[in-house]
Protein backbone atom coordinates (compact mmCIF):
# COMPACT_ATOMS: atom_id res chain seq x y z
CA MET A 1 2.37 -38.90 13.43
CA ARG A 2 0.22 -38.22 10.55
CA THR A 3 1.33 -38.87 7.01
CA ASP A 4 0.85 -34.95 6.83
CA ASP A 5 2.82 -34.03 9.35
CA PHE A 6 5.58 -36.70 8.93
CA TRP A 7 5.78 -34.73 4.49
CA ALA A 8 5.53 -31.26 6.09
CA VAL A 9 8.78 -31.17 7.71
CA ILE A 10 10.27 -32.26 4.21
CA ASP A 11 7.57 -29.91 2.48
CA ARG A 12 9.31 -27.10 4.68
CA ALA A 13 12.85 -28.23 4.44
CA THR A 14 12.34 -27.77 0.20
CA ALA A 15 9.91 -25.17 -0.14
CA ASP A 16 11.35 -22.05 -2.30
CA ARG A 17 14.98 -23.08 -1.48
CA PRO A 18 15.63 -26.77 -3.16
CA GLY A 19 18.82 -28.15 -3.03
CA SER A 20 20.91 -31.11 -1.96
CA PRO A 21 19.58 -34.14 0.10
CA ASP A 22 22.62 -32.56 2.51
CA GLU A 23 20.85 -29.56 3.29
CA VAL A 24 17.31 -31.07 2.73
CA ALA A 25 18.19 -32.83 5.79
CA LYS A 26 20.13 -30.24 7.60
CA ARG A 27 16.70 -27.92 7.61
CA ALA A 28 14.45 -31.42 8.71
CA ILE A 29 16.85 -31.63 11.92
CA ALA A 30 17.05 -27.54 12.83
CA GLU A 31 12.84 -27.72 12.82
CA LEU A 32 12.48 -31.37 14.35
CA ALA A 33 15.75 -30.27 16.73
CA THR A 34 12.83 -27.85 18.71
CA ARG A 35 9.89 -30.13 18.83
CA ASP A 36 8.85 -32.01 21.85
CA PRO A 37 11.47 -35.65 22.26
CA ASP A 38 8.42 -37.46 21.76
CA GLU A 39 7.16 -35.75 18.59
CA ILE A 40 11.08 -36.83 16.83
CA GLU A 41 10.69 -39.85 17.74
CA ALA A 42 7.09 -39.85 15.82
CA TRP A 43 8.88 -38.34 12.96
CA GLY A 44 11.45 -41.25 12.91
CA ARG A 45 8.78 -44.32 13.31
CA HIS A 46 6.81 -42.56 10.15
CA LEU A 47 10.24 -42.60 8.48
CA ASP A 48 10.37 -46.32 9.05
CA LYS A 49 6.87 -46.44 8.03
CA VAL A 50 7.85 -45.05 4.24
CA MET A 51 11.21 -47.04 4.35
CA ALA A 52 8.62 -50.09 4.66
CA ALA A 53 6.19 -49.12 1.88
CA SER A 54 9.18 -47.90 -0.58
CA GLY A 55 10.59 -51.87 0.41
CA LYS A 56 9.89 -52.63 -3.23
CA GLU A 57 11.16 -55.38 -5.73
CA ASP A 58 11.10 -53.06 -8.38
CA LEU A 59 12.19 -50.24 -6.58
CA TRP A 60 14.91 -51.82 -5.84
CA ALA A 61 15.46 -52.66 -10.02
CA ALA A 62 14.94 -49.27 -10.67
CA ALA A 63 17.55 -48.07 -7.73
CA TYR A 64 20.13 -50.53 -9.53
CA LEU A 65 19.75 -49.49 -12.92
CA ILE A 66 19.68 -45.80 -12.34
CA ASN A 67 22.72 -45.99 -10.12
CA GLY A 68 24.09 -48.61 -11.89
CA GLY A 69 24.10 -51.00 -8.78
CA ALA A 70 22.38 -50.73 -5.56
CA SER A 71 23.83 -53.10 -2.44
CA ASP A 72 21.20 -53.35 0.58
CA GLU A 73 22.37 -50.12 1.88
CA GLY A 74 22.72 -48.20 -1.35
CA PHE A 75 18.68 -49.40 -1.89
CA ASP A 76 17.96 -47.30 1.80
CA ASN A 77 20.07 -44.29 0.32
CA PHE A 78 18.37 -44.48 -2.40
CA ARG A 79 14.64 -44.23 -1.54
CA GLY A 80 16.66 -41.26 1.19
CA TRP A 81 17.38 -39.25 -1.48
CA LEU A 82 13.49 -40.26 -3.21
CA ILE A 83 12.20 -39.30 0.45
CA ALA A 84 14.04 -35.62 0.09
CA ASN A 85 12.42 -34.80 -3.37
CA GLY A 86 8.88 -35.17 -1.67
CA ARG A 87 6.02 -36.71 -0.82
CA ASP A 88 4.45 -36.61 -4.59
CA VAL A 89 8.28 -38.40 -6.59
CA VAL A 90 7.43 -41.05 -3.81
CA ALA A 91 4.00 -41.94 -4.24
CA ARG A 92 4.51 -41.73 -8.06
CA ALA A 93 8.30 -44.19 -7.23
CA VAL A 94 6.55 -46.44 -5.18
CA PRO A 95 3.77 -48.22 -7.36
CA ASP A 96 5.73 -47.18 -10.41
CA PRO A 97 9.14 -47.03 -10.72
CA ASP A 98 9.50 -46.28 -13.97
CA SER A 99 7.77 -43.03 -13.54
CA LEU A 100 11.16 -42.21 -12.52
CA ALA A 101 12.28 -41.74 -16.26
CA ASP A 102 10.03 -38.30 -15.57
CA LEU A 103 12.36 -36.63 -12.89
CA PRO A 104 15.22 -34.35 -15.08
CA ALA A 105 17.52 -35.41 -12.17
CA VAL A 106 17.22 -38.68 -13.43
CA GLN A 107 17.25 -38.02 -17.46
CA ALA A 108 20.40 -36.39 -17.18
CA ALA A 109 21.94 -38.87 -14.63
CA ALA A 110 21.93 -40.86 -17.72
CA SER A 111 24.90 -39.13 -19.29
CA THR A 112 26.40 -38.15 -16.41
CA GLY A 113 26.34 -41.05 -14.19
CA ALA A 114 25.26 -39.15 -10.89
CA VAL A 115 24.70 -41.50 -8.63
CA PHE A 116 21.75 -40.96 -6.41
CA GLU A 117 21.78 -41.32 -2.76
CA ALA A 118 20.75 -39.56 0.59
CA GLU A 119 22.13 -41.46 3.47
CA GLU A 120 21.94 -38.08 5.38
CA VAL A 121 17.90 -38.29 4.99
CA LEU A 122 17.63 -41.18 7.09
CA THR A 123 19.17 -39.91 10.01
CA ILE A 124 16.99 -36.93 10.28
CA ALA A 125 15.25 -37.99 13.34
CA GLY A 126 18.12 -39.28 15.09
CA GLU A 127 20.42 -36.01 14.83
CA ALA A 128 17.53 -33.99 15.66
CA TYR A 129 16.65 -36.16 18.91
CA GLN A 130 20.35 -35.89 19.66
CA GLN A 131 20.41 -32.19 19.26
CA ALA A 132 16.89 -31.59 21.09
CA THR A 133 18.23 -34.39 24.73
CA GLY A 134 22.04 -34.69 24.51
CA THR A 135 21.31 -38.65 24.55
CA GLU A 136 20.65 -41.13 21.63
CA LEU A 137 17.00 -41.51 20.26
CA PRO A 138 15.83 -44.74 21.79
CA SER A 139 16.28 -48.01 19.82
CA LYS A 140 13.66 -49.71 18.11
CA GLU A 141 12.57 -52.76 16.86
CA THR A 142 12.21 -52.34 13.08
CA ALA A 143 10.85 -54.94 10.46
CA PRO A 144 12.69 -55.41 7.56
CA ASN A 145 12.53 -52.70 4.95
CA ARG A 146 13.28 -54.55 1.92
CA PRO A 147 13.05 -57.82 0.42
CA ASP A 148 15.70 -60.25 1.09
CA ALA A 149 18.45 -59.53 -1.27
CA ALA A 150 18.44 -63.34 -2.32
CA MET A 151 14.86 -63.75 -3.74
CA LEU A 152 15.44 -60.83 -6.27
CA TRP A 153 15.31 -61.37 -9.73
CA ASP A 154 18.49 -60.77 -11.36
CA PHE A 155 18.84 -57.08 -12.04
CA ASP A 156 21.80 -58.01 -14.73
CA ASN A 157 18.54 -59.50 -16.90
CA GLU A 158 18.33 -56.86 -19.54
CA GLU A 159 15.61 -58.58 -21.14
CA GLU A 160 13.38 -58.86 -17.73
CA MET A 161 14.80 -55.32 -16.85
CA GLN A 162 13.31 -53.95 -19.93
CA LYS A 163 10.05 -55.55 -19.40
CA ARG A 164 9.47 -53.92 -15.83
CA LEU A 165 11.24 -51.02 -16.54
CA PRO A 166 10.91 -49.88 -20.03
CA ARG A 167 11.85 -46.12 -19.96
CA LEU A 168 14.41 -46.34 -17.26
CA SER A 169 15.59 -49.01 -19.31
CA ALA A 170 15.68 -46.57 -22.50
CA LEU A 171 17.66 -44.27 -20.40
CA PHE A 172 20.18 -46.84 -19.04
CA LEU A 173 20.78 -49.72 -21.23
CA GLU A 174 22.58 -49.71 -24.34
CA PRO A 175 20.22 -50.17 -27.01
CA PRO A 176 20.58 -53.73 -28.40
CA ASP A 177 22.46 -54.53 -31.76
């Protein structure tokens, strides 16, 4: 599956009727479930590639800062939320996680405490395959799609956070005395 084909499913799930990541996932599942099972598997493999490409340390730090913490699973689910926001958001956030400070939802979360996670986006292929075939998506060997948590820099180090993610830090960290 080509990258454009992968993102076209997400684009159609958000076009003219944006909604919660759950709604995006439901619309994407409905579309994919009408396709050949091989296409659904290919879409799932492409999702794995997007997850691997987005498994960056500073993006994890951004998730940690925005969500008030991010476990391994929390980081995965944060990236599901990113994917539900579309290709452009992912394309900006992966090389420059601090660009997330431009998103109105992230800006609002600084005062509301909203948490951005969308596990349902990560299960789109499996759910669509189940609907299309009545069976589970064949299991696959996947490489880890995030850095080793033991090797990460200390996300609680506010000076390091301010150095690496200055705009997000300005939104989510208390100003120094």
